[in-house]
Every structure is written in structure tokens, then in C-alpha cells.
Amino acid sequence: MQSHRRIVNYSHDLSTDQVSWLDEQDRSRSWAHQDEDTSFLPSVFERFFVLWPVRKMMWLSIPTHHRLTEEDRQLEQEGESQLKAYITAFFELKRILSDSIVAIDGGNWTVDQFGWLADHIDTYISAVLAADLSSFWCSIFDFFFRVWPIRDVLWPTMPASRDLTGIQRRFLCAAEEQYKRRLKAFFRTHAYSQILSDDALF
């Protein structure tokens, strides 16, 4: 049988369906991580390749009953190894993001961040009174993410020049959205406290 080499390059990303399926497994991953269950990833690999066989992803037009050449079998094994590494990285990124969100929700701002945010509480109150919060948030988000890039929080050792994968970009967007919610909560809470404190002076 003539070797059917892949024409389409293997994508170092996952499809939407694959990401959704892995997200469903993430709850199990969380428990496995806590219990140090080493059987979690092998189980995920096995079920993943049942749903998405590497052979079908690499050679869509080859019937399953056709035998692969030795060269193609090696390519299949390489593709499976790449996917295993990518799935492992997927769950590691989920863990990093989850840990970061816990810190965010806990209000663990740095001294510089807290000081900068506190300096803008009066501006926030003015924006509320002027019904111009849209401009306020744009300014806050732009400055905050420029001075304290979320990418550096998620991957502190990754060179800034390295391009992110599709999965990493998804996590970055999710983390930024979480920071935006936390920033909004900061201003609402502290502005309310300040208003109450000011009222107490009268």
C-alpha cells in the first residue's frame, strides 16, 4: 500500500468540540489534582482518542480497514504524543487560571495596584454621577492591563516575544474578563464605603 502522507499540517490547537469536552472533564481534573490521582490523564487520553481517533484526524480519506504503512504508523504515534502533550498542557493552563482567579477573588492586589485603584475612587464616583462609566472603565482597563499584563500573571517565565497558542489566548481572555469583574467590584465596594464615611461627617 502506498504511504498516504498528511497534506494538512497538524494544528497545535484543539477544535471547539474538543475544548468543550475537555472543559467537561475539568471538574474531575480538579478532584484528581486534590487527591493526586495519577489515573486521570491516562483515562482522558483513552476516551479522547475513542472520540477523536488520531488516524481519522490525520487521514480523513483513508478507510479504517486499510492498513497503514510503517511510516504512517510512526506519524500516527507522533500525532498521538503531540495531542497527549497538548491535552496535558490544557489542564495545566486551567489549573494556573483557576489558581489566579482564586487570588483575584480574594482581593489580593499588590500594594501598587491597591494604591492606584484607591486614587481613582473619586473619579469613579464622579463618573457614576455623570453617567459616564463607559469611558471610565475603558480608561481603567487600558491602563491596568498595560501596567500589569495578565499574561505575566499566567505565564511569568514565558518570553513576551513568544506567540500564544489558541488555547492560551482563550485563557488570557477569560482571565482578563475575570479581572475586569474584580476591578468593577473593587470600585463599587470602596466607593460605597467612602460615601458612607463622608455622610458620617455631616
N, C-alpha and C. Protein backbone atom coordinates (compact mmCIF):
# COMPACT_ATOMS: atom_id res chain seq x y z
N MET A 1 0.84 -1.21 0.00
CA MET A 1 0.00 0.00 0.00
C MET A 1 0.88 1.25 0.00
N GLN A 2 0.56 2.20 -0.83
CA GLN A 2 1.33 3.43 -0.91
C GLN A 2 1.07 4.29 0.32
N SER A 3 2.15 4.91 0.81
CA SER A 3 2.02 5.74 2.01
C SER A 3 1.16 6.95 1.73
N HIS A 4 0.17 7.18 2.59
CA HIS A 4 -0.70 8.36 2.45
C HIS A 4 -0.23 9.40 3.46
N ARG A 5 0.72 10.21 3.05
CA ARG A 5 1.25 11.21 3.96
C ARG A 5 0.24 12.34 4.14
N ARG A 6 0.28 12.94 5.30
CA ARG A 6 -0.67 14.02 5.57
C ARG A 6 -0.41 15.21 4.67
N ILE A 7 -1.47 15.80 4.17
CA ILE A 7 -1.35 17.02 3.36
C ILE A 7 -1.59 18.23 4.24
N VAL A 8 -2.56 18.13 5.15
CA VAL A 8 -2.88 19.23 6.06
C VAL A 8 -1.99 19.14 7.29
N ASN A 9 -1.33 20.21 7.64
CA ASN A 9 -0.44 20.21 8.80
C ASN A 9 -1.23 20.03 10.08
N TYR A 10 -0.63 19.32 11.02
CA TYR A 10 -1.28 19.13 12.32
C TYR A 10 -1.37 20.47 13.04
N SER A 11 -2.55 20.80 13.52
CA SER A 11 -2.75 22.08 14.21
C SER A 11 -2.44 21.94 15.69
N HIS A 12 -1.61 22.83 16.22
CA HIS A 12 -1.28 22.81 17.65
C HIS A 12 -2.36 23.56 18.43
N ASP A 13 -3.56 23.15 18.18
CA ASP A 13 -4.72 23.72 18.87
C ASP A 13 -5.77 22.63 18.89
N LEU A 14 -6.86 22.88 19.56
CA LEU A 14 -7.94 21.91 19.63
C LEU A 14 -9.20 22.50 19.02
N SER A 15 -10.06 21.63 18.52
CA SER A 15 -11.32 22.10 17.95
C SER A 15 -12.25 22.57 19.06
N THR A 16 -13.30 23.28 18.68
CA THR A 16 -14.26 23.77 19.66
C THR A 16 -14.91 22.61 20.41
N ASP A 17 -15.25 21.55 19.68
CA ASP A 17 -15.87 20.38 20.32
C ASP A 17 -14.91 19.71 21.29
N GLN A 18 -13.65 19.64 20.91
CA GLN A 18 -12.66 19.02 21.79
C GLN A 18 -12.44 19.85 23.06
N VAL A 19 -12.39 21.16 22.89
CA VAL A 19 -12.22 22.04 24.05
C VAL A 19 -13.42 21.92 24.98
N SER A 20 -14.62 21.88 24.40
CA SER A 20 -15.83 21.75 25.22
C SER A 20 -15.82 20.44 26.00
N TRP A 21 -15.40 19.38 25.34
CA TRP A 21 -15.34 18.08 26.01
C TRP A 21 -14.31 18.09 27.14
N LEU A 22 -13.16 18.68 26.89
CA LEU A 22 -12.13 18.76 27.93
C LEU A 22 -12.58 19.63 29.09
N ASP A 23 -13.33 20.68 28.78
CA ASP A 23 -13.87 21.52 29.85
C ASP A 23 -14.79 20.71 30.77
N GLU A 24 -15.54 19.78 30.17
CA GLU A 24 -16.43 18.94 30.97
C GLU A 24 -15.64 18.01 31.90
N GLN A 25 -14.43 17.68 31.47
CA GLN A 25 -13.60 16.79 32.30
C GLN A 25 -12.87 17.57 33.39
N ASP A 26 -12.93 18.90 33.31
CA ASP A 26 -12.11 19.71 34.22
C ASP A 26 -12.53 19.55 35.68
N ARG A 27 -13.81 19.34 35.92
CA ARG A 27 -14.26 19.12 37.30
C ARG A 27 -13.61 17.88 37.88
N SER A 28 -13.54 16.83 37.07
CA SER A 28 -12.86 15.61 37.51
C SER A 28 -11.38 15.87 37.72
N ARG A 29 -10.81 16.70 36.82
CA ARG A 29 -9.39 17.04 36.96
C ARG A 29 -9.12 17.72 38.29
N SER A 30 -10.04 18.61 38.70
CA SER A 30 -9.85 19.33 39.96
C SER A 30 -9.81 18.37 41.14
N TRP A 31 -10.75 17.40 41.13
CA TRP A 31 -10.75 16.42 42.22
C TRP A 31 -9.51 15.54 42.14
N ALA A 32 -9.12 15.16 40.92
CA ALA A 32 -7.95 14.30 40.77
C ALA A 32 -6.69 15.01 41.23
N HIS A 33 -6.63 16.33 40.95
CA HIS A 33 -5.46 17.10 41.37
C HIS A 33 -5.37 17.14 42.90
N GLN A 34 -6.51 17.30 43.55
CA GLN A 34 -6.51 17.34 45.01
C GLN A 34 -6.13 15.99 45.61
N ASP A 35 -6.60 14.93 44.99
CA ASP A 35 -6.36 13.58 45.51
C ASP A 35 -5.09 12.95 44.97
N GLU A 36 -4.37 13.70 44.12
CA GLU A 36 -3.15 13.20 43.49
C GLU A 36 -3.42 11.89 42.76
N ASP A 37 -4.55 11.86 42.03
CA ASP A 37 -4.95 10.68 41.28
C ASP A 37 -4.21 10.67 39.95
N THR A 38 -3.27 9.75 39.79
CA THR A 38 -2.45 9.69 38.57
C THR A 38 -3.17 9.00 37.41
N SER A 39 -4.37 8.46 37.66
CA SER A 39 -5.09 7.76 36.59
C SER A 39 -5.95 8.71 35.76
N PHE A 40 -6.04 9.98 36.17
CA PHE A 40 -6.94 10.90 35.48
C PHE A 40 -6.53 11.12 34.02
N LEU A 41 -5.30 11.55 33.79
CA LEU A 41 -4.87 11.86 32.43
C LEU A 41 -4.90 10.63 31.52
N PRO A 42 -4.38 9.47 31.94
CA PRO A 42 -4.49 8.30 31.07
C PRO A 42 -5.93 7.99 30.69
N SER A 43 -6.86 8.17 31.63
CA SER A 43 -8.27 7.93 31.35
C SER A 43 -8.79 8.91 30.32
N VAL A 44 -8.39 10.19 30.46
CA VAL A 44 -8.81 11.22 29.50
C VAL A 44 -8.25 10.91 28.11
N PHE A 45 -6.97 10.54 28.05
CA PHE A 45 -6.36 10.20 26.76
C PHE A 45 -7.14 9.09 26.07
N GLU A 46 -7.44 8.04 26.83
CA GLU A 46 -8.13 6.87 26.26
C GLU A 46 -9.48 7.26 25.69
N ARG A 47 -10.28 8.02 26.46
CA ARG A 47 -11.61 8.41 25.99
C ARG A 47 -11.53 9.43 24.85
N PHE A 48 -10.53 10.32 24.92
CA PHE A 48 -10.36 11.33 23.86
C PHE A 48 -10.09 10.65 22.53
N PHE A 49 -9.21 9.65 22.51
CA PHE A 49 -8.84 9.01 21.26
C PHE A 49 -9.92 8.06 20.75
N VAL A 50 -10.84 7.67 21.62
CA VAL A 50 -12.01 6.92 21.16
C VAL A 50 -12.94 7.87 20.40
N LEU A 51 -13.10 9.07 20.94
CA LEU A 51 -13.97 10.06 20.30
C LEU A 51 -13.33 10.66 19.05
N TRP A 52 -12.03 10.91 19.12
CA TRP A 52 -11.30 11.54 18.01
C TRP A 52 -10.04 10.73 17.71
N PRO A 53 -10.18 9.63 16.99
CA PRO A 53 -9.01 8.82 16.65
C PRO A 53 -7.99 9.63 15.87
N VAL A 54 -6.74 9.49 16.23
CA VAL A 54 -5.68 10.25 15.56
C VAL A 54 -5.65 9.92 14.07
N ARG A 55 -5.87 8.67 13.77
CA ARG A 55 -5.83 8.24 12.36
C ARG A 55 -6.85 9.02 11.53
N LYS A 56 -8.06 9.19 12.05
CA LYS A 56 -9.09 9.92 11.30
C LYS A 56 -8.75 11.40 11.19
N MET A 57 -8.13 11.95 12.21
CA MET A 57 -7.76 13.36 12.16
C MET A 57 -6.64 13.60 11.14
N MET A 58 -5.79 12.60 10.96
CA MET A 58 -4.64 12.77 10.06
C MET A 58 -4.96 12.38 8.63
N TRP A 59 -5.78 11.34 8.48
CA TRP A 59 -6.09 10.83 7.14
C TRP A 59 -7.59 10.61 7.00
N LEU A 60 -8.30 11.65 6.72
CA LEU A 60 -9.76 11.58 6.65
C LEU A 60 -10.24 10.68 5.52
N SER A 61 -9.48 10.61 4.45
CA SER A 61 -9.95 9.89 3.26
C SER A 61 -9.57 8.41 3.25
N ILE A 62 -8.78 7.95 4.22
CA ILE A 62 -8.36 6.55 4.22
C ILE A 62 -9.36 5.71 5.01
N PRO A 63 -9.96 4.70 4.39
CA PRO A 63 -10.89 3.83 5.11
C PRO A 63 -10.20 3.16 6.30
N THR A 64 -10.95 2.95 7.35
CA THR A 64 -10.36 2.40 8.59
C THR A 64 -9.83 0.99 8.40
N HIS A 65 -10.35 0.25 7.39
CA HIS A 65 -9.89 -1.13 7.20
C HIS A 65 -8.58 -1.21 6.42
N HIS A 66 -8.11 -0.09 5.88
CA HIS A 66 -6.85 -0.07 5.17
C HIS A 66 -5.68 -0.06 6.16
N ARG A 67 -4.70 -0.87 5.86
CA ARG A 67 -3.53 -0.91 6.74
C ARG A 67 -2.62 0.28 6.44
N LEU A 68 -2.07 0.83 7.51
CA LEU A 68 -1.12 1.93 7.36
C LEU A 68 0.28 1.38 7.15
N THR A 69 1.09 2.13 6.45
CA THR A 69 2.49 1.74 6.29
C THR A 69 3.22 1.98 7.60
N GLU A 70 4.40 1.45 7.71
CA GLU A 70 5.19 1.64 8.92
C GLU A 70 5.47 3.13 9.14
N GLU A 71 5.73 3.84 8.06
CA GLU A 71 5.98 5.28 8.16
C GLU A 71 4.74 6.02 8.68
N ASP A 72 3.58 5.62 8.18
CA ASP A 72 2.34 6.27 8.62
C ASP A 72 2.02 5.94 10.07
N ARG A 73 2.34 4.71 10.49
CA ARG A 73 2.11 4.35 11.89
C ARG A 73 2.99 5.19 12.82
N GLN A 74 4.20 5.47 12.37
CA GLN A 74 5.08 6.33 13.17
C GLN A 74 4.52 7.74 13.24
N LEU A 75 3.99 8.22 12.11
CA LEU A 75 3.37 9.55 12.11
C LEU A 75 2.15 9.58 13.03
N GLU A 76 1.39 8.50 13.04
CA GLU A 76 0.22 8.40 13.91
C GLU A 76 0.64 8.46 15.37
N GLN A 77 1.71 7.74 15.72
CA GLN A 77 2.20 7.75 17.10
C GLN A 77 2.71 9.13 17.49
N GLU A 78 3.38 9.80 16.55
CA GLU A 78 3.86 11.15 16.82
C GLU A 78 2.68 12.10 17.04
N GLY A 79 1.64 11.96 16.22
CA GLY A 79 0.46 12.80 16.39
C GLY A 79 -0.22 12.56 17.72
N GLU A 80 -0.29 11.29 18.14
CA GLU A 80 -0.90 10.96 19.43
C GLU A 80 -0.08 11.54 20.58
N SER A 81 1.24 11.47 20.47
CA SER A 81 2.11 12.03 21.51
C SER A 81 1.94 13.54 21.60
N GLN A 82 1.83 14.20 20.44
CA GLN A 82 1.63 15.65 20.43
C GLN A 82 0.31 16.02 21.09
N LEU A 83 -0.73 15.26 20.78
CA LEU A 83 -2.03 15.55 21.38
C LEU A 83 -2.03 15.31 22.89
N LYS A 84 -1.36 14.26 23.33
CA LYS A 84 -1.26 13.99 24.77
C LYS A 84 -0.56 15.15 25.47
N ALA A 85 0.52 15.63 24.87
CA ALA A 85 1.24 16.76 25.46
C ALA A 85 0.36 18.01 25.48
N TYR A 86 -0.42 18.18 24.42
CA TYR A 86 -1.27 19.36 24.34
C TYR A 86 -2.41 19.30 25.34
N ILE A 87 -3.00 18.10 25.50
CA ILE A 87 -4.08 17.93 26.48
C ILE A 87 -3.55 18.15 27.89
N THR A 88 -2.36 17.64 28.16
CA THR A 88 -1.73 17.84 29.47
C THR A 88 -1.53 19.33 29.73
N ALA A 89 -1.06 20.05 28.70
CA ALA A 89 -0.86 21.50 28.84
C ALA A 89 -2.19 22.22 29.04
N PHE A 90 -3.24 21.72 28.38
CA PHE A 90 -4.57 22.31 28.52
C PHE A 90 -5.00 22.32 29.99
N PHE A 91 -4.87 21.18 30.66
CA PHE A 91 -5.29 21.09 32.06
C PHE A 91 -4.36 21.87 32.98
N GLU A 92 -3.09 21.95 32.63
CA GLU A 92 -2.16 22.74 33.43
C GLU A 92 -2.52 24.22 33.35
N LEU A 93 -2.89 24.67 32.15
CA LEU A 93 -3.30 26.06 31.99
C LEU A 93 -4.59 26.34 32.75
N LYS A 94 -5.51 25.37 32.74
CA LYS A 94 -6.73 25.52 33.51
C LYS A 94 -6.43 25.66 34.99
N ARG A 95 -5.47 24.89 35.47
CA ARG A 95 -5.09 24.96 36.89
C ARG A 95 -4.49 26.33 37.21
N ILE A 96 -3.61 26.81 36.33
CA ILE A 96 -2.98 28.12 36.54
C ILE A 96 -4.04 29.21 36.58
N LEU A 97 -4.98 29.15 35.62
CA LEU A 97 -6.04 30.15 35.57
C LEU A 97 -6.92 30.07 36.81
N SER A 98 -7.25 28.84 37.23
CA SER A 98 -8.09 28.65 38.41
C SER A 98 -7.41 29.22 39.65
N ASP A 99 -6.12 28.97 39.80
CA ASP A 99 -5.37 29.50 40.94
C ASP A 99 -5.33 31.02 40.91
N SER A 100 -5.19 31.57 39.70
CA SER A 100 -5.14 33.03 39.56
C SER A 100 -6.47 33.65 39.94
N ILE A 101 -7.58 33.01 39.51
CA ILE A 101 -8.90 33.54 39.81
C ILE A 101 -9.17 33.51 41.31
N VAL A 102 -8.71 32.46 41.98
CA VAL A 102 -8.87 32.39 43.44
C VAL A 102 -8.18 33.59 44.09
N ALA A 103 -6.98 33.90 43.59
CA ALA A 103 -6.25 35.04 44.14
C ALA A 103 -6.96 36.35 43.86
N ILE A 104 -7.52 36.45 42.62
CA ILE A 104 -8.24 37.67 42.25
C ILE A 104 -9.46 37.85 43.13
N ASP A 105 -10.26 36.81 43.25
CA ASP A 105 -11.48 36.90 44.03
C ASP A 105 -11.19 37.17 45.50
N GLY A 106 -10.00 36.77 45.93
CA GLY A 106 -9.62 37.03 47.32
C GLY A 106 -9.18 38.46 47.55
N GLY A 107 -9.13 39.26 46.47
CA GLY A 107 -8.74 40.65 46.62
C GLY A 107 -7.26 40.85 46.87
N ASN A 108 -6.44 39.92 46.38
CA ASN A 108 -5.01 40.01 46.63
C ASN A 108 -4.33 40.97 45.65
N TRP A 109 -4.63 42.26 45.80
CA TRP A 109 -3.97 43.26 44.97
C TRP A 109 -2.58 43.53 45.55
N THR A 110 -1.65 43.89 44.67
CA THR A 110 -0.35 44.33 45.17
C THR A 110 -0.50 45.71 45.80
N VAL A 111 0.51 46.14 46.54
CA VAL A 111 0.45 47.46 47.17
C VAL A 111 0.30 48.55 46.11
N ASP A 112 1.06 48.43 45.02
CA ASP A 112 0.98 49.43 43.95
C ASP A 112 -0.40 49.43 43.30
N GLN A 113 -0.96 48.24 43.06
CA GLN A 113 -2.28 48.15 42.44
C GLN A 113 -3.35 48.75 43.34
N PHE A 114 -3.31 48.39 44.62
CA PHE A 114 -4.32 48.90 45.54
C PHE A 114 -4.23 50.42 45.65
N GLY A 115 -3.01 50.94 45.74
CA GLY A 115 -2.83 52.39 45.83
C GLY A 115 -3.35 53.10 44.59
N TRP A 116 -3.05 52.53 43.42
CA TRP A 116 -3.51 53.14 42.18
C TRP A 116 -5.04 53.11 42.09
N LEU A 117 -5.63 51.98 42.45
CA LEU A 117 -7.09 51.86 42.42
C LEU A 117 -7.75 52.83 43.40
N ALA A 118 -7.19 52.93 44.59
CA ALA A 118 -7.74 53.82 45.61
C ALA A 118 -7.71 55.28 45.14
N ASP A 119 -6.67 55.62 44.39
CA ASP A 119 -6.55 57.00 43.88
C ASP A 119 -7.63 57.35 42.87
N HIS A 120 -8.30 56.34 42.33
CA HIS A 120 -9.30 56.58 41.29
C HIS A 120 -10.73 56.41 41.78
N ILE A 121 -10.91 56.25 43.09
CA ILE A 121 -12.27 56.08 43.62
C ILE A 121 -13.10 57.35 43.41
N ASP A 122 -12.50 58.50 43.66
CA ASP A 122 -13.23 59.76 43.45
C ASP A 122 -13.63 59.94 41.99
N THR A 123 -12.73 59.53 41.10
CA THR A 123 -13.03 59.63 39.66
C THR A 123 -14.19 58.70 39.31
N TYR A 124 -14.21 57.54 39.94
CA TYR A 124 -15.31 56.60 39.70
C TYR A 124 -16.64 57.20 40.16
N ILE A 125 -16.65 57.81 41.35
CA ILE A 125 -17.87 58.41 41.87
C ILE A 125 -18.36 59.52 40.94
N SER A 126 -17.43 60.33 40.44
CA SER A 126 -17.79 61.39 39.50
C SER A 126 -18.37 60.81 38.22
N ALA A 127 -17.78 59.70 37.74
CA ALA A 127 -18.26 59.07 36.52
C ALA A 127 -19.67 58.51 36.72
N VAL A 128 -19.95 57.99 37.91
CA VAL A 128 -21.29 57.48 38.22
C VAL A 128 -22.29 58.63 38.19
N LEU A 129 -21.94 59.73 38.83
CA LEU A 129 -22.84 60.89 38.91
C LEU A 129 -23.07 61.51 37.53
N ALA A 130 -22.03 61.41 36.67
CA ALA A 130 -22.13 61.98 35.33
C ALA A 130 -22.69 60.98 34.31
N ALA A 131 -22.99 59.76 34.78
CA ALA A 131 -23.49 58.70 33.89
C ALA A 131 -22.54 58.45 32.73
N ASP A 132 -21.23 58.42 33.06
CA ASP A 132 -20.21 58.23 32.03
C ASP A 132 -19.25 57.11 32.43
N LEU A 133 -19.82 55.99 32.89
CA LEU A 133 -18.98 54.88 33.34
C LEU A 133 -18.25 54.18 32.19
N SER A 134 -18.82 54.23 31.01
CA SER A 134 -18.20 53.54 29.87
C SER A 134 -16.79 54.05 29.62
N SER A 135 -16.63 55.36 29.60
CA SER A 135 -15.30 55.95 29.39
C SER A 135 -14.38 55.65 30.56
N PHE A 136 -14.94 55.66 31.77
CA PHE A 136 -14.14 55.38 32.96
C PHE A 136 -13.56 53.98 32.89
N TRP A 137 -14.41 52.98 32.59
CA TRP A 137 -13.94 51.59 32.55
C TRP A 137 -12.91 51.39 31.46
N CYS A 138 -13.12 51.99 30.30
CA CYS A 138 -12.14 51.85 29.21
C CYS A 138 -10.78 52.35 29.65
N SER A 139 -10.76 53.49 30.32
CA SER A 139 -9.52 54.07 30.79
C SER A 139 -8.85 53.20 31.85
N ILE A 140 -9.65 52.71 32.80
CA ILE A 140 -9.13 51.86 33.88
C ILE A 140 -8.55 50.57 33.33
N PHE A 141 -9.32 49.88 32.48
CA PHE A 141 -8.87 48.60 31.94
C PHE A 141 -7.61 48.77 31.10
N ASP A 142 -7.61 49.80 30.26
CA ASP A 142 -6.46 50.03 29.37
C ASP A 142 -5.18 50.23 30.18
N PHE A 143 -5.26 51.08 31.21
CA PHE A 143 -4.06 51.36 32.00
C PHE A 143 -3.65 50.14 32.82
N PHE A 144 -4.61 49.50 33.47
CA PHE A 144 -4.30 48.38 34.36
C PHE A 144 -3.63 47.24 33.59
N PHE A 145 -4.18 46.86 32.44
CA PHE A 145 -3.63 45.74 31.68
C PHE A 145 -2.31 46.11 31.01
N ARG A 146 -2.08 47.40 30.80
CA ARG A 146 -0.81 47.82 30.21
C ARG A 146 0.30 47.80 31.25
N VAL A 147 -0.02 48.25 32.46
CA VAL A 147 0.99 48.29 33.53
C VAL A 147 1.19 46.91 34.17
N TRP A 148 0.09 46.17 34.33
CA TRP A 148 0.16 44.84 34.96
C TRP A 148 -0.45 43.80 34.00
N PRO A 149 0.29 43.42 32.95
CA PRO A 149 -0.24 42.48 31.95
C PRO A 149 -0.67 41.15 32.58
N ILE A 150 -1.86 40.70 32.24
CA ILE A 150 -2.36 39.44 32.78
C ILE A 150 -1.55 38.27 32.25
N ARG A 151 -1.01 38.42 31.07
CA ARG A 151 -0.14 37.37 30.51
C ARG A 151 1.01 37.07 31.46
N ASP A 152 1.57 38.11 32.09
CA ASP A 152 2.68 37.91 33.01
C ASP A 152 2.25 37.20 34.28
N VAL A 153 0.96 37.35 34.64
CA VAL A 153 0.43 36.66 35.82
C VAL A 153 0.28 35.17 35.54
N LEU A 154 -0.23 34.86 34.34
CA LEU A 154 -0.47 33.47 33.98
C LEU A 154 0.81 32.72 33.63
N TRP A 155 1.69 33.40 32.91
CA TRP A 155 2.93 32.74 32.47
C TRP A 155 4.13 33.65 32.76
N PRO A 156 4.52 33.76 34.02
CA PRO A 156 5.57 34.70 34.42
C PRO A 156 6.94 34.44 33.79
N THR A 157 7.21 33.20 33.38
CA THR A 157 8.53 32.88 32.82
C THR A 157 8.53 32.85 31.30
N MET A 158 7.37 33.05 30.69
CA MET A 158 7.30 32.99 29.22
C MET A 158 7.80 34.30 28.60
N PRO A 159 8.71 34.23 27.64
CA PRO A 159 9.19 35.45 26.98
C PRO A 159 8.04 36.20 26.30
N ALA A 160 8.05 37.51 26.40
CA ALA A 160 6.97 38.31 25.81
C ALA A 160 6.92 38.17 24.30
N SER A 161 8.05 37.79 23.70
CA SER A 161 8.11 37.68 22.24
C SER A 161 7.48 36.39 21.72
N ARG A 162 7.19 35.44 22.62
CA ARG A 162 6.64 34.16 22.18
C ARG A 162 5.14 34.29 21.91
N ASP A 163 4.72 33.82 20.77
CA ASP A 163 3.30 33.86 20.42
C ASP A 163 2.52 32.86 21.27
N LEU A 164 1.30 33.25 21.66
CA LEU A 164 0.44 32.35 22.42
C LEU A 164 -0.29 31.40 21.48
N THR A 165 -0.58 30.21 21.97
CA THR A 165 -1.39 29.27 21.19
C THR A 165 -2.85 29.69 21.28
N GLY A 166 -3.69 29.06 20.50
CA GLY A 166 -5.12 29.38 20.55
C GLY A 166 -5.71 29.14 21.93
N ILE A 167 -5.33 28.04 22.56
CA ILE A 167 -5.81 27.73 23.90
C ILE A 167 -5.34 28.77 24.90
N GLN A 168 -4.08 29.17 24.81
CA GLN A 168 -3.55 30.18 25.73
C GLN A 168 -4.26 31.51 25.55
N ARG A 169 -4.59 31.85 24.31
CA ARG A 169 -5.32 33.11 24.08
C ARG A 169 -6.70 33.07 24.72
N ARG A 170 -7.35 31.89 24.67
CA ARG A 170 -8.66 31.75 25.31
C ARG A 170 -8.55 31.98 26.82
N PHE A 171 -7.50 31.39 27.43
CA PHE A 171 -7.32 31.54 28.86
C PHE A 171 -7.00 33.00 29.22
N LEU A 172 -6.22 33.65 28.38
CA LEU A 172 -5.87 35.05 28.63
C LEU A 172 -7.13 35.91 28.60
N CYS A 173 -7.98 35.70 27.61
CA CYS A 173 -9.23 36.47 27.53
C CYS A 173 -10.12 36.20 28.73
N ALA A 174 -10.20 34.94 29.15
CA ALA A 174 -11.03 34.59 30.31
C ALA A 174 -10.48 35.25 31.57
N ALA A 175 -9.16 35.25 31.73
CA ALA A 175 -8.55 35.86 32.91
C ALA A 175 -8.77 37.37 32.92
N GLU A 176 -8.66 38.01 31.76
CA GLU A 176 -8.88 39.46 31.69
C GLU A 176 -10.33 39.81 32.04
N GLU A 177 -11.27 38.99 31.57
CA GLU A 177 -12.67 39.23 31.92
C GLU A 177 -12.88 39.09 33.43
N GLN A 178 -12.19 38.12 34.04
CA GLN A 178 -12.30 37.94 35.49
C GLN A 178 -11.72 39.15 36.22
N TYR A 179 -10.60 39.67 35.74
CA TYR A 179 -10.00 40.86 36.34
C TYR A 179 -10.93 42.06 36.20
N LYS A 180 -11.56 42.19 35.05
CA LYS A 180 -12.49 43.31 34.85
C LYS A 180 -13.63 43.26 35.87
N ARG A 181 -14.16 42.06 36.10
CA ARG A 181 -15.23 41.93 37.10
C ARG A 181 -14.73 42.28 38.49
N ARG A 182 -13.51 41.86 38.80
CA ARG A 182 -12.93 42.15 40.11
C ARG A 182 -12.65 43.65 40.27
N LEU A 183 -12.19 44.30 39.21
CA LEU A 183 -11.95 45.74 39.25
C LEU A 183 -13.25 46.50 39.49
N LYS A 184 -14.31 46.08 38.80
CA LYS A 184 -15.60 46.73 38.98
C LYS A 184 -16.10 46.55 40.41
N ALA A 185 -15.91 45.35 40.95
CA ALA A 185 -16.34 45.08 42.32
C ALA A 185 -15.56 45.93 43.31
N PHE A 186 -14.27 46.14 43.04
CA PHE A 186 -13.45 46.97 43.93
C PHE A 186 -14.01 48.38 44.02
N PHE A 187 -14.27 48.99 42.87
CA PHE A 187 -14.75 50.38 42.88
C PHE A 187 -16.14 50.50 43.49
N ARG A 188 -17.02 49.56 43.19
CA ARG A 188 -18.37 49.63 43.76
C ARG A 188 -18.33 49.51 45.28
N THR A 189 -17.52 48.58 45.78
CA THR A 189 -17.44 48.35 47.22
C THR A 189 -16.79 49.53 47.93
N HIS A 190 -15.65 49.97 47.42
CA HIS A 190 -14.91 51.03 48.10
C HIS A 190 -15.56 52.40 47.93
N ALA A 191 -16.21 52.60 46.79
CA ALA A 191 -16.92 53.87 46.60
C ALA A 191 -18.09 53.96 47.57
N TYR A 192 -18.81 52.86 47.73
CA TYR A 192 -19.93 52.84 48.67
C TYR A 192 -19.45 53.10 50.09
N SER A 193 -18.32 52.47 50.47
CA SER A 193 -17.77 52.69 51.81
C SER A 193 -17.36 54.14 52.01
N GLN A 194 -16.79 54.73 50.96
CA GLN A 194 -16.34 56.12 51.07
C GLN A 194 -17.53 57.07 51.19
N ILE A 195 -18.61 56.81 50.44
CA ILE A 195 -19.79 57.64 50.52
C ILE A 195 -20.39 57.59 51.92
N LEU A 196 -20.45 56.38 52.49
CA LEU A 196 -20.97 56.23 53.84
C LEU A 196 -20.10 56.97 54.84
N SER A 197 -18.77 56.90 54.63
CA SER A 197 -17.85 57.58 55.53
C SER A 197 -18.01 59.09 55.43
N ASP A 198 -18.19 59.59 54.19
CA ASP A 198 -18.38 61.03 54.00
C ASP A 198 -19.68 61.49 54.62
N ASP A 199 -20.74 60.67 54.48
CA ASP A 199 -22.03 61.03 55.06
C ASP A 199 -21.95 61.11 56.57
N ALA A 200 -21.09 60.29 57.16
CA ALA A 200 -20.98 60.25 58.61
C ALA A 200 -20.39 61.54 59.16
N LEU A 201 -19.73 62.32 58.24
CA LEU A 201 -19.12 63.56 58.71
C LEU A 201 -20.15 64.66 58.89
N PHE A 202 -21.35 64.49 58.33
CA PHE A 202 -22.36 65.55 58.40
C PHE A 202 -23.33 65.33 59.56
